[in-house]
Every structure is written in structure tokens, then in C-alpha cells.
Protein backbone atom coordinates (compact mmCIF):
# COMPACT_ATOMS: atom_id res chain seq x y z
CA MET A 1 110.54 142.35 72.50
CA ARG A 2 106.82 142.55 73.23
CA THR A 3 106.44 139.04 71.85
CA ILE A 4 109.11 137.78 74.29
CA TYR A 5 107.36 139.42 77.24
CA MET A 6 104.03 137.92 76.22
CA LEU A 7 105.63 134.47 75.88
CA PHE A 8 107.27 134.81 79.31
CA PHE A 9 103.93 135.76 80.85
CA ALA A 10 102.18 132.78 79.26
CA VAL A 11 104.85 130.36 80.49
CA ALA A 12 104.78 131.82 84.03
CA ALA A 13 100.99 131.61 84.16
CA GLY A 14 101.14 128.03 82.98
CA LEU A 15 103.66 127.09 85.67
CA LEU A 16 101.52 128.73 88.34
CA PHE A 17 98.52 126.78 87.08
CA LEU A 18 100.46 123.53 87.28
CA GLY A 19 101.84 124.31 90.72
CA ASN A 20 98.43 125.11 92.15
CA SER A 21 97.06 121.84 90.77
CA SER A 22 98.87 119.98 93.56
CA GLY A 23 98.88 120.38 97.33
CA ALA A 24 100.72 123.02 99.33
CA GLY A 25 102.93 120.41 100.99
CA ALA A 26 104.26 119.05 97.72
CA VAL A 27 104.53 122.42 95.94
CA GLN A 28 105.43 124.85 98.74
CA ASN A 29 106.73 122.46 101.42
CA ALA A 30 104.17 124.15 103.67
CA ASP A 31 101.51 123.27 106.22
CA ARG A 32 98.39 125.24 105.16
CA THR A 33 95.87 123.42 107.34
CA GLY A 34 95.31 126.33 109.72
CA GLY A 35 96.44 124.06 112.57
CA PRO A 36 98.96 124.71 115.37
CA LEU A 37 101.96 124.02 113.09
CA ALA A 38 100.61 125.87 110.06
CA ASN A 39 101.82 129.05 108.45
CA GLY A 40 98.32 130.24 107.63
CA TYR A 41 95.92 128.23 105.49
CA CYS A 42 94.98 127.77 101.83
CA GLY A 43 93.66 131.33 101.80
CA ASN A 44 97.27 132.58 101.91
CA CYS A 45 97.36 132.05 98.14
CA HIS A 46 93.71 131.63 97.21
CA THR A 47 92.83 135.08 98.50
CA ALA A 48 89.82 136.22 96.45
CA GLY A 49 87.29 135.05 99.03
CA ALA A 50 85.01 133.71 96.29
CA PHE A 51 82.25 131.08 96.55
CA ASN A 52 81.88 131.34 100.37
CA PRO A 53 83.12 127.78 100.91
CA THR A 54 82.42 125.73 104.02
CA MET A 55 83.82 122.35 104.94
CA THR A 56 83.15 119.37 107.15
CA LEU A 57 85.52 116.61 108.28
CA GLU A 58 84.25 113.25 109.51
CA ILE A 59 85.97 110.05 110.59
CA LEU A 60 84.03 107.02 109.43
CA GLN A 61 84.13 103.33 110.23
CA ASN A 62 81.96 101.07 108.08
CA GLY A 63 80.24 104.19 106.77
CA ASN A 64 79.30 105.54 110.21
CA ALA A 65 80.79 108.63 111.84
CA VAL A 66 82.76 107.94 115.02
CA THR A 67 84.00 110.12 117.87
CA ALA A 68 86.51 107.64 119.33
CA TYR A 69 89.17 105.39 117.84
CA GLN A 70 90.60 102.00 118.67
CA ALA A 71 94.36 101.54 118.46
CA GLY A 72 95.43 100.09 115.12
CA ALA A 73 91.94 100.17 113.59
CA SER A 74 91.20 101.39 110.05
CA TYR A 75 88.97 104.37 109.29
CA THR A 76 88.05 106.73 106.46
CA MET A 77 88.49 110.49 106.75
CA ARG A 78 85.85 112.26 104.67
CA ILE A 79 86.26 115.94 103.80
CA THR A 80 83.32 117.68 102.12
CA VAL A 81 83.69 121.16 100.61
CA ASN A 82 80.49 123.09 99.94
CA ALA A 83 80.72 126.22 97.80
CA GLY A 84 78.56 128.67 95.89
CA ALA A 85 77.81 128.73 92.17
CA GLY A 86 80.87 128.99 89.92
CA ALA A 87 83.18 126.71 91.90
CA GLN A 88 84.40 124.00 89.54
CA VAL A 89 87.34 122.23 91.19
CA TYR A 90 88.46 121.53 94.75
CA GLY A 91 91.53 120.77 96.84
CA PHE A 92 92.46 120.14 100.48
CA GLN A 93 95.23 119.48 102.98
CA ALA A 94 94.87 117.72 106.35
CA VAL A 95 96.98 116.41 109.22
CA ALA A 96 96.25 114.25 112.30
CA LEU A 97 98.13 115.07 115.51
CA LEU A 98 98.56 113.52 118.95
CA PRO A 99 99.31 115.49 122.13
CA GLY A 100 102.61 117.27 121.62
CA ASN A 101 101.71 117.74 117.93
CA VAL A 102 103.31 114.49 116.85
CA GLN A 103 101.93 112.45 113.98
CA ALA A 104 98.84 110.38 114.75
CA GLY A 105 98.49 107.18 112.79
CA SER A 106 98.98 107.14 109.04
CA PHE A 107 97.18 108.16 105.85
CA ALA A 108 97.14 106.30 102.54
CA ALA A 109 97.16 107.89 99.10
CA THR A 110 94.17 107.38 96.80
CA ALA A 111 93.47 108.42 93.21
CA GLY A 112 93.95 112.19 93.02
CA THR A 113 95.55 112.48 96.47
CA GLN A 114 99.02 112.11 97.93
CA VAL A 115 100.76 111.81 101.29
CA THR A 116 103.47 114.43 101.80
CA GLU A 117 105.92 114.36 104.71
CA LEU A 118 106.71 117.68 106.40
CA ASN A 119 108.89 117.81 109.52
CA ASN A 120 108.38 114.11 110.28
CA ARG A 121 104.60 114.35 109.96
CA GLU A 122 102.31 112.99 107.25
CA TYR A 123 99.97 115.38 105.45
CA THR A 124 97.29 114.14 103.11
CA GLU A 125 96.39 116.50 100.26
CA HIS A 126 95.17 116.62 96.67
CA SER A 127 97.67 115.73 93.96
CA GLN A 128 95.54 117.21 91.18
CA ARG A 129 92.47 119.39 90.91
CA SER A 130 89.35 117.44 91.78
CA ASN A 131 85.97 117.80 90.10
CA SER A 132 84.43 116.25 93.21
CA ASN A 133 83.92 118.26 96.37
CA VAL A 134 84.24 115.12 98.53
CA PHE A 135 87.56 113.51 99.48
CA GLU A 136 87.76 110.15 101.25
CA ILE A 137 91.16 109.17 102.63
CA PRO A 138 92.06 105.92 104.44
CA TRP A 139 93.45 106.56 107.91
CA THR A 140 94.90 103.98 110.29
CA ALA A 141 94.81 104.89 113.97
CA PRO A 142 97.98 104.78 116.09
CA ALA A 143 98.99 101.19 116.72
CA THR A 144 99.19 101.74 120.47
CA SER A 145 97.21 103.83 122.93
CA GLN A 146 98.52 107.40 122.83
CA GLY A 147 95.66 109.74 123.74
CA GLU A 148 93.25 111.87 121.74
CA VAL A 149 93.77 112.64 118.05
CA LYS A 150 93.04 116.05 116.52
CA PHE A 151 92.43 116.52 112.79
CA TYR A 152 93.22 119.89 111.20
CA ALA A 153 92.29 120.68 107.61
CA ALA A 154 91.79 123.41 105.03
CA SER A 155 90.12 123.33 101.61
CA VAL A 156 89.96 125.29 98.37
CA ALA A 157 87.05 125.90 96.01
CA ALA A 158 88.49 127.14 92.71
CA ASN A 159 87.26 128.48 89.39
CA ASN A 160 89.59 126.22 87.37
CA ALA A 161 91.37 129.20 85.78
CA ALA A 162 95.15 129.59 85.59
CA GLY A 163 96.64 130.84 88.86
CA SER A 164 95.00 131.22 92.27
CA GLY A 165 92.93 134.34 91.63
CA GLY A 166 89.17 134.17 91.87
CA ASP A 167 89.18 131.25 94.31
CA GLY A 168 87.91 130.72 97.84
CA ALA A 169 89.39 128.89 100.81
CA VAL A 170 88.30 127.76 104.26
CA PHE A 171 89.79 125.92 107.27
CA LEU A 172 88.41 124.25 110.37
CA THR A 173 88.31 126.83 113.14
CA ASN A 174 88.17 123.94 115.62
CA PRO A 175 89.82 120.57 115.02
CA VAL A 176 87.84 117.35 114.83
CA VAL A 177 88.78 115.38 117.94
CA LEU A 178 88.74 111.61 118.42
CA THR A 179 89.07 110.32 121.94
CA GLU A 180 90.74 107.01 122.64
CA GLU A 181 88.38 104.08 123.02
CA VAL A 182 89.63 101.65 125.62
CA VAL A 183 88.64 98.12 124.69
CA ALA A 184 88.42 95.26 127.16
CA THR A 185 90.41 92.82 125.07
CA ARG A 186 89.25 89.82 127.07
CA ASP A 187 85.75 90.41 125.67
CA LEU A 188 86.92 90.41 122.05
CA PRO A 189 86.64 87.44 119.69
CA GLU A 190 89.73 85.40 118.96
CA LEU A 191 92.23 86.88 116.51
CA ALA A 192 94.34 83.77 115.94
CA THR A 193 93.08 80.44 114.70
CA HIS A 194 96.32 78.96 116.03
CA LEU A 195 98.66 80.41 118.68
CA ARG A 196 101.80 78.82 120.17
CA VAL A 197 104.87 80.16 121.96
CA PHE A 198 108.12 78.21 122.24
CA PRO A 199 110.20 77.37 124.09
CA ASN A 200 107.93 77.64 127.10
CA PRO A 201 109.39 78.01 129.73
CA VAL A 202 111.78 80.41 128.01
CA ALA A 203 115.19 81.71 129.11
CA ASP A 204 115.86 84.38 126.50
CA GLN A 205 114.48 84.22 122.93
CA LEU A 206 110.74 83.60 122.70
CA HIS A 207 109.20 82.52 119.40
CA LEU A 208 105.56 83.19 118.65
CA ASN A 209 103.73 81.26 115.94
CA LEU A 210 100.18 82.26 115.08
CA ALA A 211 97.76 81.93 112.19
CA VAL A 212 95.24 84.63 111.24
CA GLU A 213 92.54 84.93 108.60
CA ALA A 214 93.20 88.52 107.49
CA THR A 215 96.25 90.67 106.83
CA GLY A 216 96.69 93.66 109.14
CA VAL A 217 98.67 95.43 111.85
CA ALA A 218 98.48 94.00 115.36
CA LYS A 219 99.78 94.98 118.77
CA VAL A 220 101.89 92.42 120.61
CA ALA A 221 102.02 93.13 124.35
CA LEU A 222 103.42 91.38 127.41
CA TYR A 223 101.76 91.76 130.83
CA ASN A 224 102.89 90.76 134.30
CA ASN A 225 100.68 88.83 136.74
CA LEU A 226 99.13 92.13 137.92
CA GLY A 227 97.93 92.91 134.41
CA GLN A 228 100.46 95.72 133.98
CA PRO A 229 101.96 96.11 130.48
CA LEU A 230 105.72 95.58 130.38
CA TRP A 231 106.24 96.29 126.70
CA GLN A 232 104.32 96.42 123.47
CA GLN A 233 105.29 96.38 119.82
CA THR A 234 103.48 96.34 116.49
CA ALA A 235 103.64 93.58 113.92
CA THR A 236 102.23 93.19 110.43
CA LEU A 237 100.44 89.88 110.15
CA VAL A 238 99.63 88.14 106.88
CA VAL A 239 96.94 85.60 106.11
CA GLY A 240 98.08 82.20 107.31
CA ASN A 241 101.03 81.39 109.56
CA ASN A 242 103.23 84.09 111.09
CA THR A 243 106.37 83.59 113.21
CA LEU A 244 107.73 86.36 115.43
CA ALA A 245 110.61 86.44 117.91
CA TYR A 246 111.15 88.52 121.06
CA ASP A 247 114.04 88.79 123.51
CA LEU A 248 112.87 88.19 127.10
CA SER A 249 116.30 87.70 128.63
CA HIS A 250 115.97 90.91 130.68
CA LEU A 251 112.82 89.75 132.49
CA PRO A 252 112.88 88.07 135.91
CA ALA A 253 111.52 84.56 136.30
CA GLY A 254 107.76 84.38 136.59
CA HIS A 255 104.40 84.07 134.84
CA TYR A 256 103.46 86.50 132.07
CA VAL A 257 100.62 86.92 129.60
CA LEU A 258 101.38 87.60 125.95
CA GLU A 259 98.55 89.21 123.99
CA VAL A 260 98.13 89.87 120.27
CA SER A 261 95.29 92.24 119.31
CA ASN A 262 94.12 94.42 116.44
CA GLY A 263 91.45 96.46 118.20
CA GLN A 264 88.60 94.20 117.12
CA GLN A 265 90.04 90.77 117.99
CA ALA A 266 92.56 89.46 120.51
CA SER A 267 94.35 86.26 121.48
CA ARG A 268 96.53 85.57 124.50
CA THR A 269 98.65 82.87 126.05
CA VAL A 270 100.69 82.33 129.21
CA VAL A 271 104.49 82.60 129.03
CA LEU A 272 106.71 81.09 131.71
CA LYS A 273 110.08 82.79 132.19
CA LYS A 274 112.82 80.79 133.88
């Protein structure tokens, strides 16, 4: 009987070890970032208070830290966990939120990380224990202007033993905030090497044909003659020719400006509605 108990304990410890090797979202279906939607933080389980960890979170573009974002632009979120002697492996969980605590932009998984969806929001977190104390995660800003973005995150510094005992955890007491950078698109270089709309004048269905030199997400927006946006949508453009179609049958007759932009480049043309 004692042998059975010992075997059960070994199996349970092994399962706990495996569970803790992945993020709280994937294992516990829980937000442990310490943010406004969180039920605590990583210290809920990693309770020993060891290693006195600290953490920083930066948003980088071309290797430089930024404090504002451009709609649809690509960035890197860098989380650095610093801990005392004895810490051997590290983990994290983070989320980006807009006003109203809705998801801001999107994360991409990298080696050793994963994107977990909780309550219609994306969380980026480790998928296995990391020997590195630095995590770099691709983040794409919201495709359209939606206000400031707040990043919430928590991290773990662990001793690499089975279970969560003997570890330390930390979370950001204040979120990292990116304000929205408003870009004067008329001052941007051309996005399209070729841009044509047809038919023009148009009665209902407008077709847009454009050629670009790089794949990416762009914002397609229509403005009236006062410069006021009437609608905007996102489109994924591929290298070379792209053809898009939009229904303008609901618009009154007049002159409009159609603009395609990606935050760094923009192209526009006049549309006549009959």
C-alpha cells in the first residue's frame, strides 16, 4: 500500500510540474496578469516569494522603445524578468487592452510562447519554461484608431523544481500605456505603386485595384469633401496586385476621397458617386 501511495505522489508531482511548465491561460483558463480583469497574478500559485523578481515591459519599433502607436503598425513587446541568484527558468503572461477593457491589436506566438484566448481577448504567455529571462513577442497595433492601449503583465522566476514551491512572482503595479499617434497621412510616402478605382463614376459596387511592394494589413477609408470619415475597413494586402470591392450604393451622389494606408505609407484617389 505504501508503494501505491508513493507512486501516486510521484505521478501527481509530475503532472503539477508539467502543468506549471505552460501559461496560466492554457492550464488554468485564468488571467494572472494582475490587470483589471485578473483573478490575482502569478503569485497566486508561485507563492514562496523567492528571488525578489522585478520586471520591465517595453514596446519597441525597430529596436527603439516607443510611447505611442500608429494604427496597424507592427511592434515588439519585450518583457525582461530580473531575479536573484538561484532563479533558473522564467515565465510570463500579458494582455493589451483598449478603453472598456477590450482587446487591443493582436499578438503572435514565437518559439516557447503561445497566444491563449480568454473571454474574447488574446493573452500572450510562455508555452514552456524558458531559460532566458527576456521574452520578445510580436504585437500588431489596432488596425483603426481606438484610443490608448494599456499593457498588463506578470512574470515568474522559478527554481526549475517540480511544482510551484520555492518560486517568485511579480506583476506590473502600473500598466505600460501607449497613446495613439495621429499621423497626417497626406505627408506619408506612397503605399501603392499602382492605384485605380472602377467604375468611376460609380453607382453601387466600387472595385479597387492596387499594387504594393510588401505584404501587410492596411486601412481602407472613405472621406467626404469635408475630410470626415464615412467608413473604414481593414484589408490584408499581398505583394503585387490586389483587387477589393466595396458597396457604395447607400451613399448620396458627390465627390469622395478613398484612402489606403498602413500607418507608414498612404495612397488616395477621388471617387465620383452618381
